[in-house]
Structure formats: structure tokens, C-alpha cells
Amino acid sequence: MNTWYGSEDSEALTGVSFAGWCLVGVRLLGLAPIVLSGLLLSVLLRGLERPIFGQNRPVTPYITVAVCRFALRIIGLPCRVTGTPMRSPGAFVANHSSWLDIFVLNSCARVYFVSKAEVSAWPLIGWLARATGTVFIRRSRQDAAQQTEMFRARLRNGHRLLFFPEGTSTDGLRVLPFKSSLFEAFFASDDACTDLWIQPVSVTFFAPSQRPAAFYGWWGDMEFATHFIKTLSVWRHGRVELCFNAPRRVADFSSRKDLAVTLEADIRNTQERALSLARAARE
């Protein structure tokens, strides 16, 4: 996975106030039991789901949704949703700005994320990702065929995958060109993959008052712990807007590249419109 370094508008952890550190502590005391209890409950219930339903997860995704909704409330980040998650078989794609995307997207739809393989080894985050059914991939030609088949297997089981075709996170103020390789699985010839849809989802963050526009972005060499503490230390947050755009039918496209270009444009146009309206409201 590539890493994006294209923005100068970042903010380091340059002195959280005493009140800010107190707020971090209070929010951690709220987040820790919610996340850990949700993880434990998911693992226990998954032990019952697996022998009965195999890869299907009729119960545990609801736990993930509930945990992420509570987490956003504890963090204090309001989330406004427009549009409706599709019910058709297929997947979601979204732009990628921050680790916060995981909480935001999981709070609004029952999805299974696609993530780089290294995440599975990360402390806590890797455990959470595995417990929630994340699909781990390696972006290499040697693994392409195996990963395409993995995608198809999950799609045949009715899983709605969610992935970030930019291949990296950004400052949240732009959408990078989509990589088309992950769309290969949707052009399979087997019967289970002939009527699939992909819904583009735009995630737009608006910074707190008096903070840089890219406040919520997490990219380049930013340390997770620093960004996490900075986020939790803010007394009054900005907001995030999540827009479920109209789904696109895969069969309407001749190639994965055409599909990727169209989905990229859908998300970019929605985000640019949201940012433009916010700028106009401030003027």
C-alpha cells in the first residue's frame, strides 16, 4: 500500500492542555470498556456462529454497529448521514481520510472492511479487525489471483465488502485516483457474481473551530497514538458527513477501470460539493 505525503496542512501534538489531557482520560475510560466488551462479546458469539453459519455472520455485525455508534458519541464527533445503504448484493467503496473512517462507516452499515495485511498484526486494532471479519490483502501480483478468489467467496456468501480504492489515507480534503485492481473480483464469470452492485460512499470531515481544515486527516508518517490523543483532547468537535451515493451496477461497465473512474468521480463530486457548501456558509 502506498503512503500519501501530499499535504502540508498537518498539526502535531504540540502541547495538549491540562484540561485536554483530563478529557482524554475521561473519554478513554468510556471507550475502553465499550470497545473491549464488544470485542469479547463478538468473539464469544462468533464461536457459536461459525459452526452453524460458517462465514455468514447473522448476529455479530450488529455488535460492531452498536460499539461504533457509542464510540462516536463518547469521542463527541457528530455524524450526519444522507442516502441509504443499499440492500443489493455487492460492495461499498469510500474515500479514506483517517482511522476515524472505520468507526464512522461501521456505525451506519453492516460491512466487512478490506485492509492491508499488516493491520492484522497491530495490537488491539488488529484484534478488532479480525473479530469483525476484515478481509486482509497484500497488494502484490503474486497474491492477486488468490485474493480475487477470496473476494468472490465472500461475495458469494452475501458479505458486503467495503474498501478504499485510493490505497492510502489523505488529509480529507481531496480524493486520490482510484486503483482498479480490487475491482477485478466483480467481473467474475460465475453465476453468484453476475448481478453485483457497488455503492460509492463519500466521507467528509469538517474540522473543529480554530483548527486546520485537515485536522481529522491521518496520513504519511503520522503516529496513530499522537493523532488519537489529539482527537480525544478536543472539547468541541467539528462533524463528519457520510453520503451514500446511488449504487452502480457492475454489469453496466465494460471494465474494472471504467467502473473505478466512475466511482471515483461520484465520491469526489459529493465531497467537493459538501466542502464548497461549508465554505460558503462560513463566508
C-alpha atoms as a PDB file:
ATOM      1  CA  MET A   1       0.000   0.000   0.000  1.00  0.00           C
ATOM      2  CA  ASN A   2       1.336   3.427  -0.931  1.00  0.00           C
ATOM      3  CA  THR A   3       1.523   6.258   1.595  1.00  0.00           C
ATOM      4  CA  TRP A   4       0.433   9.765   0.680  1.00  0.00           C
ATOM      5  CA  TYR A   5       2.587  12.738   1.678  1.00  0.00           C
ATOM      6  CA  GLY A   6       0.993  15.447  -0.440  1.00  0.00           C
ATOM      7  CA  SER A   7      -0.286  17.931   2.144  1.00  0.00           C
ATOM      8  CA  GLU A   8       1.469  20.452   4.348  1.00  0.00           C
ATOM      9  CA  ASP A   9      -1.635  21.250   6.386  1.00  0.00           C
ATOM     10  CA  SER A  10      -0.988  18.976   9.391  1.00  0.00           C
ATOM     11  CA  GLU A  11      -0.974  19.572  13.114  1.00  0.00           C
ATOM     12  CA  ALA A  12       1.344  17.747  15.509  1.00  0.00           C
ATOM     13  CA  LEU A  13       0.677  17.112  19.183  1.00  0.00           C
ATOM     14  CA  THR A  14       2.283  20.395  20.236  1.00  0.00           C
ATOM     15  CA  GLY A  15       1.017  20.727  23.756  1.00  0.00           C
ATOM     16  CA  VAL A  16      -2.313  19.384  24.902  1.00  0.00           C
ATOM     17  CA  SER A  17      -3.585  21.469  27.799  1.00  0.00           C
ATOM     18  CA  PHE A  18      -4.213  20.030  31.251  1.00  0.00           C
ATOM     19  CA  ALA A  19      -7.948  20.206  30.575  1.00  0.00           C
ATOM     20  CA  GLY A  20      -7.337  18.411  27.274  1.00  0.00           C
ATOM     21  CA  TRP A  21      -5.462  15.579  28.980  1.00  0.00           C
ATOM     22  CA  CYS A  22      -8.297  15.273  31.500  1.00  0.00           C
ATOM     23  CA  LEU A  23     -10.740  14.984  28.622  1.00  0.00           C
ATOM     24  CA  VAL A  24      -8.556  12.321  27.004  1.00  0.00           C
ATOM     25  CA  GLY A  25      -8.645  10.334  30.249  1.00  0.00           C
ATOM     26  CA  VAL A  26     -12.414  10.625  30.611  1.00  0.00           C
ATOM     27  CA  ARG A  27     -13.034   9.566  27.025  1.00  0.00           C
ATOM     28  CA  LEU A  28     -10.622   6.643  27.316  1.00  0.00           C
ATOM     29  CA  LEU A  29     -12.480   5.472  30.417  1.00  0.00           C
ATOM     30  CA  GLY A  30     -15.624   5.480  28.314  1.00  0.00           C
ATOM     31  CA  LEU A  31     -14.142   3.968  25.162  1.00  0.00           C
ATOM     32  CA  ALA A  32     -12.128   1.134  26.692  1.00  0.00           C
ATOM     33  CA  PRO A  33     -14.984  -0.845  28.295  1.00  0.00           C
ATOM     34  CA  ILE A  34     -17.264  -0.325  25.286  1.00  0.00           C
ATOM     35  CA  VAL A  35     -14.695  -1.487  22.729  1.00  0.00           C
ATOM     36  CA  LEU A  36     -13.273  -4.346  24.807  1.00  0.00           C
ATOM     37  CA  SER A  37     -16.667  -5.687  25.884  1.00  0.00           C
ATOM     38  CA  GLY A  38     -17.846  -5.508  22.267  1.00  0.00           C
ATOM     39  CA  LEU A  39     -14.728  -7.401  21.175  1.00  0.00           C
ATOM     40  CA  LEU A  40     -15.207 -10.078  23.821  1.00  0.00           C
ATOM     41  CA  LEU A  41     -18.895 -10.488  23.015  1.00  0.00           C
ATOM     42  CA  SER A  42     -18.165 -10.734  19.293  1.00  0.00           C
ATOM     43  CA  VAL A  43     -15.521 -13.415  19.845  1.00  0.00           C
ATOM     44  CA  LEU A  44     -17.849 -15.445  22.067  1.00  0.00           C
ATOM     45  CA  LEU A  45     -20.813 -15.189  19.707  1.00  0.00           C
ATOM     46  CA  ARG A  46     -18.609 -15.887  16.705  1.00  0.00           C
ATOM     47  CA  GLY A  47     -17.732 -19.177  18.375  1.00  0.00           C
ATOM     48  CA  LEU A  48     -21.427 -20.054  18.134  1.00  0.00           C
ATOM     49  CA  GLU A  49     -21.993 -18.556  14.681  1.00  0.00           C
ATOM     50  CA  ARG A  50     -19.104 -20.283  12.927  1.00  0.00           C
ATOM     51  CA  PRO A  51     -20.158 -23.945  13.359  1.00  0.00           C
ATOM     52  CA  ILE A  52     -23.755 -23.130  12.413  1.00  0.00           C
ATOM     53  CA  PHE A  53     -23.441 -20.472   9.708  1.00  0.00           C
ATOM     54  CA  GLY A  54     -19.828 -20.774   8.523  1.00  0.00           C
ATOM     55  CA  GLN A  55     -18.615 -17.456   7.097  1.00  0.00           C
ATOM     56  CA  ASN A  56     -22.036 -15.867   7.463  1.00  0.00           C
ATOM     57  CA  ARG A  57     -22.443 -13.614  10.492  1.00  0.00           C
ATOM     58  CA  PRO A  58     -26.128 -13.064  11.326  1.00  0.00           C
ATOM     59  CA  VAL A  59     -25.511 -11.523  14.775  1.00  0.00           C
ATOM     60  CA  THR A  60     -22.000 -10.160  15.345  1.00  0.00           C
ATOM     61  CA  PRO A  61     -22.142  -7.290  12.777  1.00  0.00           C
ATOM     62  CA  TYR A  62     -24.893  -5.672  14.869  1.00  0.00           C
ATOM     63  CA  ILE A  63     -22.488  -5.577  17.814  1.00  0.00           C
ATOM     64  CA  THR A  64     -19.915  -3.760  15.683  1.00  0.00           C
ATOM     65  CA  VAL A  65     -22.506  -1.169  14.602  1.00  0.00           C
ATOM     66  CA  ALA A  66     -23.575  -0.548  18.211  1.00  0.00           C
ATOM     67  CA  VAL A  67     -19.990  -0.257  19.504  1.00  0.00           C
ATOM     68  CA  CYS A  68     -19.028   2.237  16.782  1.00  0.00           C
ATOM     69  CA  ARG A  69     -22.097   4.384  17.420  1.00  0.00           C
ATOM     70  CA  PHE A  70     -21.300   4.519  21.127  1.00  0.00           C
ATOM     71  CA  ALA A  71     -17.646   5.269  20.357  1.00  0.00           C
ATOM     72  CA  LEU A  72     -18.523   8.281  18.207  1.00  0.00           C
ATOM     73  CA  ARG A  73     -20.778   9.595  20.981  1.00  0.00           C
ATOM     74  CA  ILE A  74     -18.001   9.234  23.531  1.00  0.00           C
ATOM     75  CA  ILE A  75     -15.492  10.937  21.237  1.00  0.00           C
ATOM     76  CA  GLY A  76     -18.072  13.669  20.681  1.00  0.00           C
ATOM     77  CA  LEU A  77     -17.979  13.593  16.869  1.00  0.00           C
ATOM     78  CA  PRO A  78     -21.413  14.204  15.303  1.00  0.00           C
ATOM     79  CA  CYS A  79     -22.159  12.162  12.180  1.00  0.00           C
ATOM     80  CA  ARG A  80     -24.732  13.265   9.610  1.00  0.00           C
ATOM     81  CA  VAL A  81     -25.891  10.635   7.114  1.00  0.00           C
ATOM     82  CA  THR A  82     -27.569  11.202   3.763  1.00  0.00           C
ATOM     83  CA  GLY A  83     -28.685   8.489   1.398  1.00  0.00           C
ATOM     84  CA  THR A  84     -29.377   4.867   2.270  1.00  0.00           C
ATOM     85  CA  PRO A  85     -27.057   1.847   2.325  1.00  0.00           C
ATOM     86  CA  MET A  86     -28.034  -0.482  -0.494  1.00  0.00           C
ATOM     87  CA  ARG A  87     -29.527  -3.908   0.106  1.00  0.00           C
ATOM     88  CA  SER A  88     -28.377  -5.341  -3.206  1.00  0.00           C
ATOM     89  CA  PRO A  89     -25.514  -7.868  -3.309  1.00  0.00           C
ATOM     90  CA  GLY A  90     -22.126  -6.287  -3.793  1.00  0.00           C
ATOM     91  CA  ALA A  91     -19.804  -3.873  -2.032  1.00  0.00           C
ATOM     92  CA  PHE A  92     -19.194  -0.324  -0.855  1.00  0.00           C
ATOM     93  CA  VAL A  93     -16.241   1.886  -1.718  1.00  0.00           C
ATOM     94  CA  ALA A  94     -15.247   5.068   0.112  1.00  0.00           C
ATOM     95  CA  ASN A  95     -12.565   7.723   0.248  1.00  0.00           C
ATOM     96  CA  HIS A  96     -10.100   7.318   3.103  1.00  0.00           C
ATOM     97  CA  SER A  97      -9.025  10.122   5.455  1.00  0.00           C
ATOM     98  CA  SER A  98      -8.427   8.670   8.904  1.00  0.00           C
ATOM     99  CA  TRP A  99      -8.714   5.792  11.351  1.00  0.00           C
ATOM    100  CA  LEU A 100     -11.981   7.508  12.274  1.00  0.00           C
ATOM    101  CA  ASP A 101     -13.415   6.280   8.951  1.00  0.00           C
ATOM    102  CA  ILE A 102     -13.691   2.807  10.466  1.00  0.00           C
ATOM    103  CA  PHE A 103     -15.946   3.993  13.292  1.00  0.00           C
ATOM    104  CA  VAL A 104     -17.980   6.276  11.037  1.00  0.00           C
ATOM    105  CA  LEU A 105     -18.649   3.703   8.322  1.00  0.00           C
ATOM    106  CA  ASN A 106     -19.246   0.825  10.736  1.00  0.00           C
ATOM    107  CA  SER A 107     -21.756   2.921  12.665  1.00  0.00           C
ATOM    108  CA  CYS A 108     -24.006   3.269   9.629  1.00  0.00           C
ATOM    109  CA  ALA A 109     -23.846  -0.050   7.783  1.00  0.00           C
ATOM    110  CA  ARG A 110     -23.064  -3.720   8.401  1.00  0.00           C
ATOM    111  CA  VAL A 111     -19.940  -4.118   6.298  1.00  0.00           C
ATOM    112  CA  TYR A 112     -16.725  -6.113   6.150  1.00  0.00           C
ATOM    113  CA  PHE A 113     -13.641  -3.996   5.587  1.00  0.00           C
ATOM    114  CA  VAL A 114     -10.816  -4.836   3.228  1.00  0.00           C
ATOM    115  CA  SER A 115      -7.464  -3.888   4.742  1.00  0.00           C
ATOM    116  CA  LYS A 116      -3.755  -4.286   4.135  1.00  0.00           C
ATOM    117  CA  ALA A 117      -2.315  -7.462   5.643  1.00  0.00           C
ATOM    118  CA  GLU A 118      -0.015  -5.611   8.077  1.00  0.00           C
ATOM    119  CA  VAL A 119      -3.014  -4.368  10.064  1.00  0.00           C
ATOM    120  CA  SER A 120      -3.779  -7.892  11.281  1.00  0.00           C
ATOM    121  CA  ALA A 121      -0.567  -7.809  13.362  1.00  0.00           C
ATOM    122  CA  TRP A 122      -1.228  -4.437  15.004  1.00  0.00           C
ATOM    123  CA  PRO A 123      -2.004  -4.559  18.753  1.00  0.00           C
ATOM    124  CA  LEU A 124      -5.693  -4.094  19.571  1.00  0.00           C
ATOM    125  CA  ILE A 125      -6.585  -2.693  16.125  1.00  0.00           C
ATOM    126  CA  GLY A 126      -5.580  -5.978  14.503  1.00  0.00           C
ATOM    127  CA  TRP A 127      -7.603  -7.953  17.040  1.00  0.00           C
ATOM    128  CA  LEU A 128     -10.638  -5.762  16.430  1.00  0.00           C
ATOM    129  CA  ALA A 129     -10.239  -6.085  12.673  1.00  0.00           C
ATOM    130  CA  ARG A 130     -10.041  -9.891  12.800  1.00  0.00           C
ATOM    131  CA  ALA A 131     -13.006 -10.129  15.179  1.00  0.00           C
ATOM    132  CA  THR A 132     -15.193  -8.082  12.848  1.00  0.00           C
ATOM    133  CA  GLY A 133     -14.429 -10.204   9.774  1.00  0.00           C
ATOM    134  CA  THR A 134     -11.994  -7.889   7.986  1.00  0.00           C
ATOM    135  CA  VAL A 135     -10.526  -9.248   4.744  1.00  0.00           C
ATOM    136  CA  PHE A 136      -6.735  -8.828   4.762  1.00  0.00           C
ATOM    137  CA  ILE A 137      -4.923  -8.473   1.456  1.00  0.00           C
ATOM    138  CA  ARG A 138      -1.427  -7.972   0.088  1.00  0.00           C
ATOM    139  CA  ARG A 139      -1.076  -5.666  -2.895  1.00  0.00           C
ATOM    140  CA  SER A 140       1.245  -7.815  -4.963  1.00  0.00           C
ATOM    141  CA  ARG A 141       0.922  -9.544  -8.321  1.00  0.00           C
ATOM    142  CA  GLN A 142       1.819 -12.895  -6.791  1.00  0.00           C
ATOM    143  CA  ASP A 143      -1.220 -12.770  -4.488  1.00  0.00           C
ATOM    144  CA  ALA A 144      -3.658 -11.188  -6.964  1.00  0.00           C
ATOM    145  CA  ALA A 145      -5.349 -14.397  -8.131  1.00  0.00           C
ATOM    146  CA  GLN A 146      -5.725 -15.780  -4.598  1.00  0.00           C
ATOM    147  CA  GLN A 147      -7.154 -12.518  -3.317  1.00  0.00           C
ATOM    148  CA  THR A 148      -9.590 -12.238  -6.208  1.00  0.00           C
ATOM    149  CA  GLU A 149     -10.932 -15.683  -5.332  1.00  0.00           C
ATOM    150  CA  MET A 150     -11.160 -14.657  -1.672  1.00  0.00           C
ATOM    151  CA  PHE A 151     -13.267 -11.661  -2.689  1.00  0.00           C
ATOM    152  CA  ARG A 152     -15.534 -13.847  -4.797  1.00  0.00           C
ATOM    153  CA  ALA A 153     -16.015 -16.311  -1.947  1.00  0.00           C
ATOM    154  CA  ARG A 154     -17.064 -13.529   0.412  1.00  0.00           C
ATOM    155  CA  LEU A 155     -19.403 -12.057  -2.198  1.00  0.00           C
ATOM    156  CA  ARG A 156     -20.985 -15.465  -2.795  1.00  0.00           C
ATOM    157  CA  ASN A 157     -21.667 -15.629   0.948  1.00  0.00           C
ATOM    158  CA  GLY A 158     -23.581 -12.355   0.740  1.00  0.00           C
ATOM    159  CA  HIS A 159     -20.942 -10.267   2.512  1.00  0.00           C
ATOM    160  CA  ARG A 160     -20.932  -6.581   1.631  1.00  0.00           C
ATOM    161  CA  LEU A 161     -17.274  -5.675   1.491  1.00  0.00           C
ATOM    162  CA  LEU A 162     -16.035  -2.126   1.944  1.00  0.00           C
ATOM    163  CA  PHE A 163     -12.684  -0.988   0.644  1.00  0.00           C
ATOM    164  CA  PHE A 164     -10.732   2.181  -0.019  1.00  0.00           C
ATOM    165  CA  PRO A 165      -9.624   2.230  -3.684  1.00  0.00           C
ATOM    166  CA  GLU A 166      -7.266   5.194  -3.136  1.00  0.00           C
ATOM    167  CA  GLY A 167      -4.919   2.720  -1.473  1.00  0.00           C
ATOM    168  CA  THR A 168      -3.932   5.139   1.293  1.00  0.00           C
ATOM    169  CA  SER A 169      -5.395   7.773   3.597  1.00  0.00           C
ATOM    170  CA  THR A 170      -5.275  11.521   2.871  1.00  0.00           C
ATOM    171  CA  ASP A 171      -5.874  14.857   4.574  1.00  0.00           C
ATOM    172  CA  GLY A 172      -9.611  14.502   3.919  1.00  0.00           C
ATOM    173  CA  LEU A 173      -9.699  17.495   1.581  1.00  0.00           C
ATOM    174  CA  ARG A 174      -9.363  15.602  -1.695  1.00  0.00           C
ATOM    175  CA  VAL A 175      -9.952  12.243  -3.375  1.00  0.00           C
ATOM    176  CA  LEU A 176      -6.950  10.493  -4.909  1.00  0.00           C
ATOM    177  CA  PRO A 177      -7.170   8.451  -8.139  1.00  0.00           C
ATOM    178  CA  PHE A 178      -8.736   5.042  -7.563  1.00  0.00           C
ATOM    179  CA  LYS A 179      -6.711   1.894  -8.117  1.00  0.00           C
ATOM    180  CA  SER A 180      -8.754  -0.514 -10.225  1.00  0.00           C
ATOM    181  CA  SER A 181      -7.127  -3.832  -9.264  1.00  0.00           C
ATOM    182  CA  LEU A 182      -9.526  -4.581  -6.402  1.00  0.00           C
ATOM    183  CA  PHE A 183     -12.499  -4.384  -8.787  1.00  0.00           C
ATOM    184  CA  GLU A 184     -11.339  -7.449 -10.718  1.00  0.00           C
ATOM    185  CA  ALA A 185     -13.347  -9.809  -8.493  1.00  0.00           C
ATOM    186  CA  PHE A 186     -16.590  -8.124  -9.522  1.00  0.00           C
ATOM    187  CA  PHE A 187     -16.108  -9.132 -13.126  1.00  0.00           C
ATOM    188  CA  ALA A 188     -16.139 -12.873 -12.368  1.00  0.00           C
ATOM    189  CA  SER A 189     -17.954 -15.239 -14.697  1.00  0.00           C
ATOM    190  CA  ASP A 190     -19.595 -17.466 -12.074  1.00  0.00           C
ATOM    191  CA  ASP A 191     -23.354 -17.179 -11.541  1.00  0.00           C
ATOM    192  CA  ALA A 192     -23.076 -15.845  -7.973  1.00  0.00           C
ATOM    193  CA  CYS A 193     -21.183 -12.770  -9.177  1.00  0.00           C
ATOM    194  CA  THR A 194     -23.254 -11.774 -12.213  1.00  0.00           C
ATOM    195  CA  ASP A 195     -25.607  -9.195 -10.675  1.00  0.00           C
ATOM    196  CA  LEU A 196     -23.450  -7.222  -8.280  1.00  0.00           C
ATOM    197  CA  TRP A 197     -23.670  -3.568  -7.337  1.00  0.00           C
ATOM    198  CA  ILE A 198     -21.129  -1.172  -5.847  1.00  0.00           C
ATOM    199  CA  GLN A 199     -22.215   1.830  -3.822  1.00  0.00           C
ATOM    200  CA  PRO A 200     -19.849   4.810  -3.599  1.00  0.00           C
ATOM    201  CA  VAL A 201     -19.773   6.422  -0.152  1.00  0.00           C
ATOM    202  CA  SER A 202     -18.223   9.822   0.481  1.00  0.00           C
ATOM    203  CA  VAL A 203     -16.829  10.623   3.935  1.00  0.00           C
ATOM    204  CA  THR A 204     -16.273  14.327   4.539  1.00  0.00           C
ATOM    205  CA  PHE A 205     -14.761  15.688   7.759  1.00  0.00           C
ATOM    206  CA  PHE A 206     -15.190  19.276   8.924  1.00  0.00           C
ATOM    207  CA  ALA A 207     -12.578  20.496  11.392  1.00  0.00           C
ATOM    208  CA  PRO A 208     -13.379  21.981  14.815  1.00  0.00           C
ATOM    209  CA  SER A 209     -13.432  25.763  15.086  1.00  0.00           C
ATOM    210  CA  GLN A 210      -9.971  27.368  15.046  1.00  0.00           C
ATOM    211  CA  ARG A 211      -8.308  24.151  13.821  1.00  0.00           C
ATOM    212  CA  PRO A 212      -6.679  23.422  10.439  1.00  0.00           C
ATOM    213  CA  ALA A 213      -9.026  22.149   7.739  1.00  0.00           C
ATOM    214  CA  ALA A 214      -7.088  18.848   7.656  1.00  0.00           C
ATOM    215  CA  PHE A 215      -7.445  18.312  11.429  1.00  0.00           C
ATOM    216  CA  TYR A 216      -9.017  14.856  11.133  1.00  0.00           C
ATOM    217  CA  GLY A 217      -6.761  13.639   8.339  1.00  0.00           C
ATOM    218  CA  TRP A 218      -4.236  10.924   9.207  1.00  0.00           C
ATOM    219  CA  TRP A 219      -1.590  10.301   6.576  1.00  0.00           C
ATOM    220  CA  GLY A 220       2.089   9.924   5.780  1.00  0.00           C
ATOM    221  CA  ASP A 221       4.260   9.289   8.838  1.00  0.00           C
ATOM    222  CA  MET A 222       1.737  10.495  11.415  1.00  0.00           C
ATOM    223  CA  GLU A 223       1.784   8.328  14.524  1.00  0.00           C
ATOM    224  CA  PHE A 224      -1.521   6.761  15.453  1.00  0.00           C
ATOM    225  CA  ALA A 225      -1.122   7.415  19.197  1.00  0.00           C
ATOM    226  CA  THR A 226      -0.405  11.119  18.636  1.00  0.00           C
ATOM    227  CA  HIS A 227      -3.367  11.581  16.309  1.00  0.00           C
ATOM    228  CA  PHE A 228      -5.617   9.579  18.618  1.00  0.00           C
ATOM    229  CA  ILE A 229      -4.735  11.708  21.678  1.00  0.00           C
ATOM    230  CA  LYS A 230      -5.080  14.927  19.690  1.00  0.00           C
ATOM    231  CA  THR A 231      -8.552  13.876  18.563  1.00  0.00           C
ATOM    232  CA  LEU A 232      -9.715  12.892  22.049  1.00  0.00           C
ATOM    233  CA  SER A 233      -8.396  16.125  23.584  1.00  0.00           C
ATOM    234  CA  VAL A 234     -10.756  18.405  21.649  1.00  0.00           C
ATOM    235  CA  TRP A 235     -13.619  19.706  23.756  1.00  0.00           C
ATOM    236  CA  ARG A 236     -15.946  20.679  20.894  1.00  0.00           C
ATOM    237  CA  HIS A 237     -15.532  18.660  17.717  1.00  0.00           C
ATOM    238  CA  GLY A 238     -16.437  19.532  14.163  1.00  0.00           C
ATOM    239  CA  ARG A 239     -18.520  16.964  12.329  1.00  0.00           C
ATOM    240  CA  VAL A 240     -18.437  14.275   9.672  1.00  0.00           C
ATOM    241  CA  GLU A 241     -20.885  13.847   6.818  1.00  0.00           C
ATOM    242  CA  LEU A 242     -21.459  10.431   5.291  1.00  0.00           C
ATOM    243  CA  CYS A 243     -23.217  10.284   1.933  1.00  0.00           C
ATOM    244  CA  PHE A 244     -24.413   7.021   0.387  1.00  0.00           C
ATOM    245  CA  ASN A 245     -24.488   7.805  -3.327  1.00  0.00           C
ATOM    246  CA  ALA A 246     -26.564   5.913  -5.881  1.00  0.00           C
ATOM    247  CA  PRO A 247     -25.264   2.336  -6.359  1.00  0.00           C
ATOM    248  CA  ARG A 248     -23.661   1.401  -9.662  1.00  0.00           C
ATOM    249  CA  ARG A 249     -24.469  -1.921 -11.357  1.00  0.00           C
ATOM    250  CA  VAL A 250     -21.251  -3.703 -12.277  1.00  0.00           C
ATOM    251  CA  ALA A 251     -22.777  -5.223 -15.430  1.00  0.00           C
ATOM    252  CA  ASP A 252     -23.234  -1.712 -16.855  1.00  0.00           C
ATOM    253  CA  PHE A 253     -19.453  -1.290 -17.170  1.00  0.00           C
ATOM    254  CA  SER A 254     -17.148  -2.874 -19.714  1.00  0.00           C
ATOM    255  CA  SER A 255     -14.067  -2.997 -17.496  1.00  0.00           C
ATOM    256  CA  ARG A 256     -12.832  -2.549 -13.954  1.00  0.00           C
ATOM    257  CA  LYS A 257     -11.021   0.641 -14.986  1.00  0.00           C
ATOM    258  CA  ASP A 258     -14.218   2.250 -16.291  1.00  0.00           C
ATOM    259  CA  LEU A 259     -16.007   1.283 -13.085  1.00  0.00           C
ATOM    260  CA  ALA A 260     -13.205   2.682 -10.895  1.00  0.00           C
ATOM    261  CA  VAL A 261     -13.188   6.018 -12.759  1.00  0.00           C
ATOM    262  CA  THR A 262     -16.951   6.424 -12.383  1.00  0.00           C
ATOM    263  CA  LEU A 263     -16.991   5.579  -8.671  1.00  0.00           C
ATOM    264  CA  GLU A 264     -14.070   7.943  -8.076  1.00  0.00           C
ATOM    265  CA  ALA A 265     -15.963  10.773  -9.778  1.00  0.00           C
ATOM    266  CA  ASP A 266     -19.118  10.058  -7.757  1.00  0.00           C
ATOM    267  CA  ILE A 267     -17.252  10.334  -4.464  1.00  0.00           C
ATOM    268  CA  ARG A 268     -15.097  13.299  -5.467  1.00  0.00           C
ATOM    269  CA  ASN A 269     -18.113  15.310  -6.694  1.00  0.00           C
ATOM    270  CA  THR A 270     -20.044  14.652  -3.491  1.00  0.00           C
ATOM    271  CA  GLN A 271     -17.120  15.601  -1.257  1.00  0.00           C
ATOM    272  CA  GLU A 272     -16.287  18.754  -3.231  1.00  0.00           C
ATOM    273  CA  ARG A 273     -19.919  19.842  -3.071  1.00  0.00           C
ATOM    274  CA  ALA A 274     -20.042  19.308   0.707  1.00  0.00           C
ATOM    275  CA  LEU A 275     -16.797  21.233   1.282  1.00  0.00           C
ATOM    276  CA  SER A 276     -17.926  24.032  -1.022  1.00  0.00           C
ATOM    277  CA  LEU A 277     -21.237  24.432   0.821  1.00  0.00           C
ATOM    278  CA  ALA A 278     -19.402  24.552   4.153  1.00  0.00           C
ATOM    279  CA  ARG A 279     -17.035  27.264   2.878  1.00  0.00           C
ATOM    280  CA  ALA A 280     -19.951  29.298   1.554  1.00  0.00           C
ATOM    281  CA  ALA A 281     -21.749  29.040   4.899  1.00  0.00           C
ATOM    282  CA  ARG A 282     -18.708  30.481   6.706  1.00  0.00           C
ATOM    283  CA  GLU A 283     -18.390  33.473   4.358  1.00  0.00           C
END
